[in-house]
C-alpha atoms as a PDB file:
ATOM      1  CA  UNK A   1      -1.621 -16.418 -10.046  1.00  0.00           C
ATOM      2  CA  UNK A   2      -2.431 -19.007 -12.665  1.00  0.00           C
ATOM      3  CA  UNK A   3       0.783 -18.607 -14.668  1.00  0.00           C
ATOM      4  CA  UNK A   4       4.326 -17.594 -13.821  1.00  0.00           C
ATOM      5  CA  UNK A   5       5.988 -14.508 -15.196  1.00  0.00           C
ATOM      6  CA  UNK A   6       9.020 -15.357 -17.323  1.00  0.00           C
ATOM      7  CA  UNK A   7      10.561 -11.887 -17.539  1.00  0.00           C
ATOM      8  CA  UNK A   8      10.714  -9.231 -14.872  1.00  0.00           C
ATOM      9  CA  UNK A   9      11.054  -5.498 -15.171  1.00  0.00           C
ATOM     10  CA  UNK A  10      12.908  -4.011 -12.211  1.00  0.00           C
ATOM     11  CA  UNK A  11      13.613  -0.334 -12.425  1.00  0.00           C
ATOM     12  CA  UNK A  12      14.185   2.803 -10.453  1.00  0.00           C
ATOM     13  CA  UNK A  13      11.489   5.406 -10.899  1.00  0.00           C
ATOM     14  CA  UNK A  14      11.568   9.150 -10.561  1.00  0.00           C
ATOM     15  CA  UNK A  15       8.821  11.715 -10.319  1.00  0.00           C
ATOM     16  CA  UNK A  16       9.563  14.706 -12.528  1.00  0.00           C
ATOM     17  CA  UNK A  17       6.521  16.715 -11.393  1.00  0.00           C
ATOM     18  CA  UNK A  18       7.457  17.390  -7.777  1.00  0.00           C
ATOM     19  CA  UNK A  19      10.643  16.325  -6.055  1.00  0.00           C
ATOM     20  CA  UNK A  20       8.760  16.023  -2.752  1.00  0.00           C
ATOM     21  CA  UNK A  21       6.479  13.309  -4.144  1.00  0.00           C
ATOM     22  CA  UNK A  22       7.453   9.679  -4.597  1.00  0.00           C
ATOM     23  CA  UNK A  23       5.203   8.974  -7.596  1.00  0.00           C
ATOM     24  CA  UNK A  24       3.900  10.794 -10.647  1.00  0.00           C
ATOM     25  CA  UNK A  25       0.859  12.997 -10.137  1.00  0.00           C
ATOM     26  CA  UNK A  26      -0.569  11.681 -13.421  1.00  0.00           C
ATOM     27  CA  UNK A  27      -1.108   8.103 -12.243  1.00  0.00           C
ATOM     28  CA  UNK A  28      -4.649   7.352 -11.108  1.00  0.00           C
ATOM     29  CA  UNK A  29      -6.859   4.263 -11.162  1.00  0.00           C
ATOM     30  CA  UNK A  30      -8.992   3.489 -14.203  1.00  0.00           C
ATOM     31  CA  UNK A  31     -11.629   1.444 -12.380  1.00  0.00           C
ATOM     32  CA  UNK A  32     -13.723   2.998  -9.614  1.00  0.00           C
ATOM     33  CA  UNK A  33     -16.914   2.514  -7.677  1.00  0.00           C
ATOM     34  CA  UNK A  34     -19.478   5.194  -8.459  1.00  0.00           C
ATOM     35  CA  UNK A  35     -20.518   6.274  -4.969  1.00  0.00           C
ATOM     36  CA  UNK A  36     -24.032   7.193  -6.154  1.00  0.00           C
ATOM     37  CA  UNK A  37     -24.894   3.973  -7.993  1.00  0.00           C
ATOM     38  CA  UNK A  38     -22.346   1.584  -6.374  1.00  0.00           C
ATOM     39  CA  UNK A  39     -21.549   0.343  -9.883  1.00  0.00           C
ATOM     40  CA  UNK A  40     -18.009  -0.367 -11.052  1.00  0.00           C
ATOM     41  CA  UNK A  41     -17.060   2.069 -13.792  1.00  0.00           C
ATOM     42  CA  UNK A  42     -14.106   2.219 -16.187  1.00  0.00           C
ATOM     43  CA  UNK A  43     -12.791   5.731 -16.769  1.00  0.00           C
ATOM     44  CA  UNK A  44      -9.801   7.261 -18.483  1.00  0.00           C
ATOM     45  CA  UNK A  45      -7.174   8.207 -15.934  1.00  0.00           C
ATOM     46  CA  UNK A  46      -7.404  11.850 -17.010  1.00  0.00           C
ATOM     47  CA  UNK A  47     -11.162  11.969 -16.388  1.00  0.00           C
ATOM     48  CA  UNK A  48     -11.229  11.611 -12.616  1.00  0.00           C
ATOM     49  CA  UNK A  49      -9.334  14.321 -10.781  1.00  0.00           C
ATOM     50  CA  UNK A  50     -10.788  13.818  -7.294  1.00  0.00           C
ATOM     51  CA  UNK A  51     -11.502  10.483  -5.674  1.00  0.00           C
ATOM     52  CA  UNK A  52     -11.466   8.809  -2.277  1.00  0.00           C
ATOM     53  CA  UNK A  53      -9.519   5.644  -1.519  1.00  0.00           C
ATOM     54  CA  UNK A  54      -9.936   2.997   1.175  1.00  0.00           C
ATOM     55  CA  UNK A  55      -7.256   1.557   3.440  1.00  0.00           C
ATOM     56  CA  UNK A  56      -8.300  -1.519   5.394  1.00  0.00           C
ATOM     57  CA  UNK A  57      -7.428  -5.076   6.373  1.00  0.00           C
ATOM     58  CA  UNK A  58      -8.838  -7.974   4.366  1.00  0.00           C
ATOM     59  CA  UNK A  59     -10.963 -10.296   6.500  1.00  0.00           C
ATOM     60  CA  UNK A  60     -10.865 -13.932   5.431  1.00  0.00           C
ATOM     61  CA  UNK A  61     -14.051 -15.015   3.711  1.00  0.00           C
ATOM     62  CA  UNK A  62     -15.730 -11.636   4.092  1.00  0.00           C
ATOM     63  CA  UNK A  63     -14.310  -9.543   1.248  1.00  0.00           C
ATOM     64  CA  UNK A  64     -16.198  -9.061  -2.023  1.00  0.00           C
ATOM     65  CA  UNK A  65     -13.729  -9.416  -4.878  1.00  0.00           C
ATOM     66  CA  UNK A  66     -14.138  -8.167  -8.438  1.00  0.00           C
ATOM     67  CA  UNK A  67     -15.965 -11.090 -10.071  1.00  0.00           C
ATOM     68  CA  UNK A  68     -18.285 -11.443  -7.091  1.00  0.00           C
ATOM     69  CA  UNK A  69     -19.066  -7.739  -7.052  1.00  0.00           C
ATOM     70  CA  UNK A  70     -19.960  -7.857 -10.736  1.00  0.00           C
ATOM     71  CA  UNK A  71     -22.003 -11.044 -10.364  1.00  0.00           C
ATOM     72  CA  UNK A  72     -23.200 -11.223  -6.740  1.00  0.00           C
ATOM     73  CA  UNK A  73     -24.699 -14.411  -5.372  1.00  0.00           C
ATOM     74  CA  UNK A  74     -26.945 -15.030  -2.386  1.00  0.00           C
ATOM     75  CA  UNK A  75     -24.540 -14.311   0.468  1.00  0.00           C
ATOM     76  CA  UNK A  76     -22.644 -11.460  -1.190  1.00  0.00           C
ATOM     77  CA  UNK A  77     -24.793  -8.625   0.116  1.00  0.00           C
ATOM     78  CA  UNK A  78     -24.646  -9.943   3.673  1.00  0.00           C
ATOM     79  CA  UNK A  79     -20.836 -10.025   3.803  1.00  0.00           C
ATOM     80  CA  UNK A  80     -19.127  -7.476   6.003  1.00  0.00           C
ATOM     81  CA  UNK A  81     -16.945  -6.643   3.011  1.00  0.00           C
ATOM     82  CA  UNK A  82     -19.954  -5.500   1.016  1.00  0.00           C
ATOM     83  CA  UNK A  83     -21.228  -3.459   3.955  1.00  0.00           C
ATOM     84  CA  UNK A  84     -17.773  -1.883   4.162  1.00  0.00           C
ATOM     85  CA  UNK A  85     -18.026  -0.852   0.509  1.00  0.00           C
ATOM     86  CA  UNK A  86     -21.456   0.660   1.152  1.00  0.00           C
ATOM     87  CA  UNK A  87     -20.087   2.574   4.138  1.00  0.00           C
ATOM     88  CA  UNK A  88     -17.053   3.981   2.320  1.00  0.00           C
ATOM     89  CA  UNK A  89     -19.287   5.106  -0.549  1.00  0.00           C
ATOM     90  CA  UNK A  90     -21.595   6.807   1.921  1.00  0.00           C
ATOM     91  CA  UNK A  91     -18.671   8.630   3.517  1.00  0.00           C
ATOM     92  CA  UNK A  92     -17.326   9.712   0.118  1.00  0.00           C
ATOM     93  CA  UNK A  93     -20.755  11.072  -0.877  1.00  0.00           C
ATOM     94  CA  UNK A  94     -20.796  13.103   2.321  1.00  0.00           C
ATOM     95  CA  UNK A  95     -17.447  14.528   1.273  1.00  0.00           C
ATOM     96  CA  UNK A  96     -18.824  15.311  -2.218  1.00  0.00           C
ATOM     97  CA  UNK A  97     -16.639  12.738  -3.947  1.00  0.00           C
ATOM     98  CA  UNK A  98     -18.259  10.814  -6.780  1.00  0.00           C
ATOM     99  CA  UNK A  99     -15.693   8.003  -7.033  1.00  0.00           C
ATOM    100  CA  UNK A 100     -13.880   5.710  -4.625  1.00  0.00           C
ATOM    101  CA  UNK A 101     -11.194   3.065  -5.160  1.00  0.00           C
ATOM    102  CA  UNK A 102     -11.315  -0.143  -3.133  1.00  0.00           C
ATOM    103  CA  UNK A 103      -8.693  -2.795  -3.826  1.00  0.00           C
ATOM    104  CA  UNK A 104     -10.962  -5.792  -3.166  1.00  0.00           C
ATOM    105  CA  UNK A 105     -13.339  -5.139  -6.062  1.00  0.00           C
ATOM    106  CA  UNK A 106     -11.468  -2.665  -8.281  1.00  0.00           C
ATOM    107  CA  UNK A 107      -8.725  -5.172  -9.173  1.00  0.00           C
ATOM    108  CA  UNK A 108      -9.355  -8.256 -11.315  1.00  0.00           C
ATOM    109  CA  UNK A 109      -7.635 -10.792  -9.086  1.00  0.00           C
ATOM    110  CA  UNK A 110      -7.492 -13.467 -11.802  1.00  0.00           C
ATOM    111  CA  UNK A 111      -5.941 -11.182 -14.416  1.00  0.00           C
ATOM    112  CA  UNK A 112      -2.148 -11.007 -14.047  1.00  0.00           C
ATOM    113  CA  UNK A 113      -1.799  -7.850 -16.129  1.00  0.00           C
ATOM    114  CA  UNK A 114      -4.437  -6.058 -14.089  1.00  0.00           C
ATOM    115  CA  UNK A 115      -2.910  -7.183 -10.789  1.00  0.00           C
ATOM    116  CA  UNK A 116       0.568  -6.131 -11.917  1.00  0.00           C
ATOM    117  CA  UNK A 117      -0.572  -2.730 -13.192  1.00  0.00           C
ATOM    118  CA  UNK A 118      -2.415  -1.961  -9.956  1.00  0.00           C
ATOM    119  CA  UNK A 119       0.274  -3.172  -7.569  1.00  0.00           C
ATOM    120  CA  UNK A 120       3.061  -1.236  -9.277  1.00  0.00           C
ATOM    121  CA  UNK A 121       0.882   1.909  -9.371  1.00  0.00           C
ATOM    122  CA  UNK A 122      -0.717   1.601  -5.959  1.00  0.00           C
ATOM    123  CA  UNK A 123       1.532   4.063  -4.135  1.00  0.00           C
ATOM    124  CA  UNK A 124       0.564   6.675  -6.729  1.00  0.00           C
ATOM    125  CA  UNK A 125      -3.128   5.792  -6.315  1.00  0.00           C
ATOM    126  CA  UNK A 126      -2.918   6.622  -2.615  1.00  0.00           C
ATOM    127  CA  UNK A 127      -0.675   9.637  -3.089  1.00  0.00           C
ATOM    128  CA  UNK A 128      -3.004  11.218  -5.641  1.00  0.00           C
ATOM    129  CA  UNK A 129      -6.283  10.520  -3.847  1.00  0.00           C
ATOM    130  CA  UNK A 130      -8.192  13.446  -2.411  1.00  0.00           C
ATOM    131  CA  UNK A 131      -8.581  11.560   0.875  1.00  0.00           C
ATOM    132  CA  UNK A 132      -7.789   8.129   2.259  1.00  0.00           C
ATOM    133  CA  UNK A 133     -10.260   6.551   4.666  1.00  0.00           C
ATOM    134  CA  UNK A 134      -8.486   4.167   7.055  1.00  0.00           C
ATOM    135  CA  UNK A 135     -11.082   1.744   8.401  1.00  0.00           C
ATOM    136  CA  UNK A 136     -10.007   0.084  11.669  1.00  0.00           C
ATOM    137  CA  UNK A 137     -12.460  -2.793  11.947  1.00  0.00           C
ATOM    138  CA  UNK A 138     -10.964  -4.044  15.216  1.00  0.00           C
ATOM    139  CA  UNK A 139     -11.436  -0.731  17.032  1.00  0.00           C
ATOM    140  CA  UNK A 140     -14.721  -0.223  18.910  1.00  0.00           C
ATOM    141  CA  UNK A 141     -15.858   3.320  19.563  1.00  0.00           C
ATOM    142  CA  UNK A 142     -13.114   4.942  21.602  1.00  0.00           C
ATOM    143  CA  UNK A 143     -11.879   8.380  22.560  1.00  0.00           C
ATOM    144  CA  UNK A 144      -8.207   7.405  22.693  1.00  0.00           C
ATOM    145  CA  UNK A 145      -5.684   6.631  20.010  1.00  0.00           C
ATOM    146  CA  UNK A 146      -6.212   3.001  18.870  1.00  0.00           C
ATOM    147  CA  UNK A 147      -2.565   1.930  19.052  1.00  0.00           C
ATOM    148  CA  UNK A 148      -3.475  -1.763  19.360  1.00  0.00           C
ATOM    149  CA  UNK A 149      -5.239  -1.936  16.006  1.00  0.00           C
ATOM    150  CA  UNK A 150      -3.745  -4.594  13.724  1.00  0.00           C
ATOM    151  CA  UNK A 151      -3.964  -2.036  10.901  1.00  0.00           C
ATOM    152  CA  UNK A 152      -0.708  -0.497  12.164  1.00  0.00           C
ATOM    153  CA  UNK A 153       1.118  -3.804  11.850  1.00  0.00           C
ATOM    154  CA  UNK A 154       0.316  -4.714   8.257  1.00  0.00           C
ATOM    155  CA  UNK A 155       2.724  -4.316   5.359  1.00  0.00           C
ATOM    156  CA  UNK A 156       0.492  -2.639   2.780  1.00  0.00           C
ATOM    157  CA  UNK A 157      -0.884  -0.090   5.242  1.00  0.00           C
ATOM    158  CA  UNK A 158       2.555   1.524   5.563  1.00  0.00           C
ATOM    159  CA  UNK A 159       2.305   3.130   2.118  1.00  0.00           C
ATOM    160  CA  UNK A 160      -1.400   3.764   2.702  1.00  0.00           C
ATOM    161  CA  UNK A 161      -0.469   5.803   5.755  1.00  0.00           C
ATOM    162  CA  UNK A 162       2.405   7.707   4.157  1.00  0.00           C
ATOM    163  CA  UNK A 163       1.409   8.322   0.540  1.00  0.00           C
ATOM    164  CA  UNK A 164      -1.872  10.283   0.886  1.00  0.00           C
ATOM    165  CA  UNK A 165      -1.976  13.924   1.895  1.00  0.00           C
ATOM    166  CA  UNK A 166      -5.018  13.285   4.087  1.00  0.00           C
ATOM    167  CA  UNK A 167      -5.731  10.099   6.015  1.00  0.00           C
ATOM    168  CA  UNK A 168      -8.857   9.957   8.187  1.00  0.00           C
ATOM    169  CA  UNK A 169      -9.248   7.109  10.679  1.00  0.00           C
ATOM    170  CA  UNK A 170     -12.608   5.492  11.432  1.00  0.00           C
ATOM    171  CA  UNK A 171     -13.567   2.940  14.056  1.00  0.00           C
ATOM    172  CA  UNK A 172     -15.634  -0.221  13.539  1.00  0.00           C
ATOM    173  CA  UNK A 173     -18.870   1.786  13.356  1.00  0.00           C
ATOM    174  CA  UNK A 174     -17.458   4.378  10.939  1.00  0.00           C
ATOM    175  CA  UNK A 175     -17.158   7.010  13.645  1.00  0.00           C
ATOM    176  CA  UNK A 176     -14.274   9.372  12.956  1.00  0.00           C
ATOM    177  CA  UNK A 177     -11.292   8.947  15.305  1.00  0.00           C
ATOM    178  CA  UNK A 178      -9.020  11.642  13.889  1.00  0.00           C
ATOM    179  CA  UNK A 179      -6.700  12.295  10.979  1.00  0.00           C
ATOM    180  CA  UNK A 180      -3.003  11.779  10.246  1.00  0.00           C
ATOM    181  CA  UNK A 181      -2.089  15.360  11.121  1.00  0.00           C
ATOM    182  CA  UNK A 182      -3.976  15.573  14.422  1.00  0.00           C
ATOM    183  CA  UNK A 183      -2.753  12.120  15.508  1.00  0.00           C
ATOM    184  CA  UNK A 184       0.818  12.474  14.242  1.00  0.00           C
ATOM    185  CA  UNK A 185       2.477  12.281  17.657  1.00  0.00           C
ATOM    186  CA  UNK A 186       0.547   9.145  18.622  1.00  0.00           C
ATOM    187  CA  UNK A 187       1.173   7.530  15.239  1.00  0.00           C
ATOM    188  CA  UNK A 188       4.862   8.394  15.464  1.00  0.00           C
ATOM    189  CA  UNK A 189       5.168   6.679  18.842  1.00  0.00           C
ATOM    190  CA  UNK A 190       3.412   3.595  17.456  1.00  0.00           C
ATOM    191  CA  UNK A 191       5.273   3.362  14.141  1.00  0.00           C
ATOM    192  CA  UNK A 192       8.633   5.153  14.699  1.00  0.00           C
ATOM    193  CA  UNK A 193       7.872   7.364  11.681  1.00  0.00           C
ATOM    194  CA  UNK A 194       8.961  10.976  12.374  1.00  0.00           C
ATOM    195  CA  UNK A 195       6.077  13.388  13.023  1.00  0.00           C
ATOM    196  CA  UNK A 196       7.373  15.700  10.294  1.00  0.00           C
ATOM    197  CA  UNK A 197       6.952  12.953   7.698  1.00  0.00           C
ATOM    198  CA  UNK A 198       3.386  12.314   8.879  1.00  0.00           C
ATOM    199  CA  UNK A 199       2.514  16.011   8.769  1.00  0.00           C
ATOM    200  CA  UNK A 200       4.046  16.470   5.324  1.00  0.00           C
ATOM    201  CA  UNK A 201       6.624  18.984   6.563  1.00  0.00           C
ATOM    202  CA  UNK A 202       9.438  16.529   5.794  1.00  0.00           C
ATOM    203  CA  UNK A 203       9.610  14.858   2.396  1.00  0.00           C
ATOM    204  CA  UNK A 204       9.910  11.072   2.351  1.00  0.00           C
ATOM    205  CA  UNK A 205      12.404  11.397  -0.491  1.00  0.00           C
ATOM    206  CA  UNK A 206      14.760  13.227   1.896  1.00  0.00           C
ATOM    207  CA  UNK A 207      14.688  10.387   4.436  1.00  0.00           C
ATOM    208  CA  UNK A 208      17.527   7.856   4.409  1.00  0.00           C
ATOM    209  CA  UNK A 209      16.465   4.708   2.526  1.00  0.00           C
ATOM    210  CA  UNK A 210      17.459   2.444   5.416  1.00  0.00           C
ATOM    211  CA  UNK A 211      15.271   4.507   7.736  1.00  0.00           C
ATOM    212  CA  UNK A 212      12.370   4.065   5.326  1.00  0.00           C
ATOM    213  CA  UNK A 213      12.916   0.314   5.354  1.00  0.00           C
ATOM    214  CA  UNK A 214      13.059   0.316   9.148  1.00  0.00           C
ATOM    215  CA  UNK A 215       9.500   1.627   9.262  1.00  0.00           C
ATOM    216  CA  UNK A 216       8.446  -1.827   8.094  1.00  0.00           C
ATOM    217  CA  UNK A 217       9.850  -3.302  11.314  1.00  0.00           C
ATOM    218  CA  UNK A 218       7.492  -6.034  12.629  1.00  0.00           C
ATOM    219  CA  UNK A 219       4.951  -5.424   9.863  1.00  0.00           C
ATOM    220  CA  UNK A 220       3.437  -8.552   8.339  1.00  0.00           C
ATOM    221  CA  UNK A 221       1.976  -9.642   5.021  1.00  0.00           C
ATOM    222  CA  UNK A 222      -0.177 -12.652   4.263  1.00  0.00           C
ATOM    223  CA  UNK A 223       1.849 -13.585   1.176  1.00  0.00           C
ATOM    224  CA  UNK A 224       5.641 -13.431   1.677  1.00  0.00           C
ATOM    225  CA  UNK A 225       6.265 -11.729  -1.677  1.00  0.00           C
ATOM    226  CA  UNK A 226       4.073  -8.811  -0.627  1.00  0.00           C
ATOM    227  CA  UNK A 227       6.714  -7.888   1.947  1.00  0.00           C
ATOM    228  CA  UNK A 228       8.720  -6.626  -1.032  1.00  0.00           C
ATOM    229  CA  UNK A 229       5.916  -5.400  -3.282  1.00  0.00           C
ATOM    230  CA  UNK A 230       4.394  -3.172  -0.595  1.00  0.00           C
ATOM    231  CA  UNK A 231       7.651  -1.228  -0.232  1.00  0.00           C
ATOM    232  CA  UNK A 232       8.510  -0.459  -3.840  1.00  0.00           C
ATOM    233  CA  UNK A 233       6.709   2.904  -3.976  1.00  0.00           C
ATOM    234  CA  UNK A 234       8.185   3.967  -0.661  1.00  0.00           C
ATOM    235  CA  UNK A 235      11.679   3.177  -1.946  1.00  0.00           C
ATOM    236  CA  UNK A 236      11.180   4.759  -5.365  1.00  0.00           C
ATOM    237  CA  UNK A 237      11.537   1.546  -7.367  1.00  0.00           C
ATOM    238  CA  UNK A 238       9.274  -0.696  -9.410  1.00  0.00           C
ATOM    239  CA  UNK A 239       9.318  -4.492  -9.669  1.00  0.00           C
ATOM    240  CA  UNK A 240       6.809  -6.613 -11.536  1.00  0.00           C
ATOM    241  CA  UNK A 241       4.691  -8.844  -9.269  1.00  0.00           C
ATOM    242  CA  UNK A 242       5.102 -12.584  -9.658  1.00  0.00           C
ATOM    243  CA  UNK A 243       3.441 -14.742  -7.013  1.00  0.00           C
ATOM    244  CA  UNK A 244       4.896 -17.930  -8.543  1.00  0.00           C
ATOM    245  CA  UNK A 245       8.350 -16.708  -7.560  1.00  0.00           C
ATOM    246  CA  UNK A 246       9.816 -17.649  -4.189  1.00  0.00           C
ATOM    247  CA  UNK A 247      10.281 -14.962  -1.562  1.00  0.00           C
ATOM    248  CA  UNK A 248      14.090 -14.863  -1.859  1.00  0.00           C
ATOM    249  CA  UNK A 249      13.862 -14.243  -5.603  1.00  0.00           C
ATOM    250  CA  UNK A 250      11.359 -11.444  -5.058  1.00  0.00           C
ATOM    251  CA  UNK A 251      13.531  -9.722  -2.457  1.00  0.00           C
ATOM    252  CA  UNK A 252      16.617 -10.086  -4.640  1.00  0.00           C
ATOM    253  CA  UNK A 253      14.808  -8.281  -7.452  1.00  0.00           C
ATOM    254  CA  UNK A 254      13.802  -5.582  -4.979  1.00  0.00           C
ATOM    255  CA  UNK A 255      17.408  -5.343  -3.822  1.00  0.00           C
ATOM    256  CA  UNK A 256      18.765  -4.977  -7.339  1.00  0.00           C
ATOM    257  CA  UNK A 257      16.286  -2.182  -8.041  1.00  0.00           C
ATOM    258  CA  UNK A 258      17.090  -0.451  -4.731  1.00  0.00           C
ATOM    259  CA  UNK A 259      20.855  -0.616  -5.293  1.00  0.00           C
ATOM    260  CA  UNK A 260      20.368   0.741  -8.799  1.00  0.00           C
ATOM    261  CA  UNK A 261      18.390   3.691  -7.424  1.00  0.00           C
ATOM    262  CA  UNK A 262      20.591   4.172  -4.343  1.00  0.00           C
ATOM    263  CA  UNK A 263      24.114   2.878  -5.122  1.00  0.00           C
ATOM    264  CA  UNK A 264      25.459   4.447  -1.917  1.00  0.00           C
ATOM    265  CA  UNK A 265      23.647   1.730   0.047  1.00  0.00           C
ATOM    266  CA  UNK A 266      26.159  -0.926  -0.996  1.00  0.00           C
ATOM    267  CA  UNK A 267      28.867   0.828   0.980  1.00  0.00           C
ATOM    268  CA  UNK A 268      26.594   1.470   3.950  1.00  0.00           C
ATOM    269  CA  UNK A 269      25.558  -2.187   4.055  1.00  0.00           C
ATOM    270  CA  UNK A 270      29.047  -3.440   3.311  1.00  0.00           C
ATOM    271  CA  UNK A 271      28.202  -5.505   0.229  1.00  0.00           C
ATOM    272  CA  UNK A 272      29.756  -5.844  -3.201  1.00  0.00           C
ATOM    273  CA  UNK A 273      28.392  -6.264  -6.698  1.00  0.00           C
ATOM    274  CA  UNK A 274      28.445 -10.047  -6.347  1.00  0.00           C
ATOM    275  CA  UNK A 275      25.830 -10.177  -3.550  1.00  0.00           C
ATOM    276  CA  UNK A 276      23.158 -11.724  -5.753  1.00  0.00           C
ATOM    277  CA  UNK A 277      25.559 -14.289  -7.209  1.00  0.00           C
ATOM    278  CA  UNK A 278      26.513 -15.900  -3.885  1.00  0.00           C
ATOM    279  CA  UNK A 279      24.340 -18.872  -3.012  1.00  0.00           C
ATOM    280  CA  UNK A 280      24.525 -18.300   0.749  1.00  0.00           C
ATOM    281  CA  UNK A 281      23.570 -14.620   0.681  1.00  0.00           C
ATOM    282  CA  UNK A 282      20.556 -12.649  -0.519  1.00  0.00           C
ATOM    283  CA  UNK A 283      18.882  -9.280  -0.034  1.00  0.00           C
ATOM    284  CA  UNK A 284      16.277 -10.662   2.379  1.00  0.00           C
ATOM    285  CA  UNK A 285      18.939 -12.138   4.651  1.00  0.00           C
ATOM    286  CA  UNK A 286      21.001  -8.971   4.436  1.00  0.00           C
ATOM    287  CA  UNK A 287      18.090  -6.845   5.606  1.00  0.00           C
ATOM    288  CA  UNK A 288      17.188  -9.330   8.289  1.00  0.00           C
ATOM    289  CA  UNK A 289      20.718  -9.121   9.696  1.00  0.00           C
ATOM    290  CA  UNK A 290      21.070  -5.345   9.322  1.00  0.00           C
ATOM    291  CA  UNK A 291      17.576  -4.271  10.343  1.00  0.00           C
ATOM    292  CA  UNK A 292      16.759  -7.108  12.786  1.00  0.00           C
ATOM    293  CA  UNK A 293      13.964  -8.783  10.892  1.00  0.00           C
ATOM    294  CA  UNK A 294      12.461  -5.737   9.246  1.00  0.00           C
ATOM    295  CA  UNK A 295      10.465  -7.928   6.858  1.00  0.00           C
ATOM    296  CA  UNK A 296       8.934 -10.552   9.166  1.00  0.00           C
ATOM    297  CA  UNK A 297       6.097 -12.265   7.233  1.00  0.00           C
ATOM    298  CA  UNK A 298       3.298 -14.620   8.212  1.00  0.00           C
END
């Protein structure tokens, strides 16, 4: 980010619409791709009731970000990221969905306010989507469960797996592999997430917070701060993104928000109110010791 945030808003959030959901049902994106025209459109969040959303891994140098999508240059249309956008729009049209949200081009990466608004709302975006398409670019056409895909080891894809009602997996050629429900046993073995959570029979809000954090075990993020930001929706808290802040500061803000929402954790973890005031201790180190490196980052 070009400037640092001076004040942070860390808070616990609650969903008053449905106790089984982690985010409000009223939160939806405002910027979409129109799957018929491939244009970016700005819509009121009460206008679009049904939309598709993409879950994927960013490939270095191949993604088409917002300013490039709006003002494409010579190589833009040949990038695999642009072809991915075309493919997800085609799939959404087949499913009779007019709009799709793709993080690469639907977020203004150079606008702090836009980045912050989207990151803090992203769990809700996925939760409230009609369907999430999980594109596994490293999986050739296969008839078995693609447990070796790097998609299962990324930080952001944890919420993208858990938040939506329906997640459909596609291989490199956009051939359907299966969905979250039909693959729940395989996904559970790969991720340690209980099958009941994957099927929707067990509410995430009823799962112990430490167990939720443990699902991030061995997951990685490109930017260290994202190790905290990608978990806020799953933990029912909200912290303002600040990529000028060091990783320890980011995790301490996450910890303060988590302890505020779940005060019983202090006793379980054996910490006092002065945790964040001791120079040799912090929330990141605490989790690393207690959960054996749950937040390993690249």
